[in-house]
Amino acid sequence: MTARAGQTTSSAGPDERIRQLEARVAELEASERKLATERDIPRKAAKYFAGETNW
């Protein structure tokens, strides 16, 4: 895993810092997509089961 923001060494140049930050952004975006999917599954299930109960 790459170094997190604020944890890079002082010897890392600007180009390396940019690469680290881009990798971190990609990691966070992937995590956001996963969490959105995990959040949507129960919502869709609740909607499905609510529509199924037409008493």
Protein backbone atom coordinates (compact mmCIF):
# COMPACT_ATOMS: atom_id res chain seq x y z
CA MET A 1 0.00 0.00 0.00
CA THR A 2 1.19 3.50 -0.71
CA ALA A 3 2.05 5.99 1.99
CA ARG A 4 -0.95 7.89 3.28
CA ALA A 5 -1.24 11.66 3.11
CA GLY A 6 1.07 13.28 5.61
CA GLN A 7 3.21 10.16 5.96
CA THR A 8 5.50 10.56 2.96
CA THR A 9 9.20 10.98 3.47
CA SER A 10 10.77 14.37 2.83
CA SER A 11 12.98 12.83 0.13
CA ALA A 12 9.99 12.06 -2.12
CA GLY A 13 9.86 14.46 -5.04
CA PRO A 14 6.74 16.19 -6.32
CA ASP A 15 6.21 13.59 -9.08
CA GLU A 16 6.32 10.74 -6.55
CA ARG A 17 3.95 12.64 -4.26
CA ILE A 18 1.49 13.09 -7.14
CA ARG A 19 1.67 9.36 -7.94
CA GLN A 20 0.99 8.52 -4.30
CA LEU A 21 -1.96 10.88 -4.12
CA GLU A 22 -3.42 9.56 -7.39
CA ALA A 23 -3.12 6.00 -6.08
CA ARG A 24 -4.85 7.04 -2.84
CA VAL A 25 -7.67 8.74 -4.76
CA ALA A 26 -8.16 5.58 -6.85
CA GLU A 27 -8.21 3.49 -3.67
CA LEU A 28 -10.81 5.75 -2.06
CA GLU A 29 -12.98 5.78 -5.19
CA ALA A 30 -12.96 1.98 -5.30
CA SER A 31 -13.88 1.86 -1.63
CA GLU A 32 -16.71 4.33 -2.23
CA ARG A 33 -18.12 2.18 -5.06
CA LYS A 34 -17.99 -0.92 -2.85
CA LEU A 35 -19.73 0.84 0.03
CA ALA A 36 -22.42 2.23 -2.30
CA THR A 37 -23.12 -1.28 -3.58
CA GLU A 38 -23.27 -2.67 -0.05
CA ARG A 39 -25.67 0.12 0.91
CA ASP A 40 -27.90 -0.40 -2.13
CA ILE A 41 -28.37 -4.16 -1.70
CA PRO A 42 -30.51 -3.88 1.49
CA ARG A 43 -32.45 -0.97 -0.01
CA LYS A 44 -33.29 -2.95 -3.13
CA ALA A 45 -34.22 -6.00 -1.07
CA ALA A 46 -36.51 -3.94 1.16
CA LYS A 47 -38.17 -2.39 -1.88
CA TYR A 48 -38.63 -5.81 -3.47
CA PHE A 49 -40.17 -7.38 -0.37
CA ALA A 50 -42.37 -4.34 0.30
CA GLY A 51 -43.77 -4.63 -3.21
CA GLU A 52 -44.39 -8.34 -2.79
CA THR A 53 -46.71 -7.94 0.19
CA ASN A 54 -49.95 -6.71 -1.41
CA TRP A 55 -52.37 -7.71 1.34
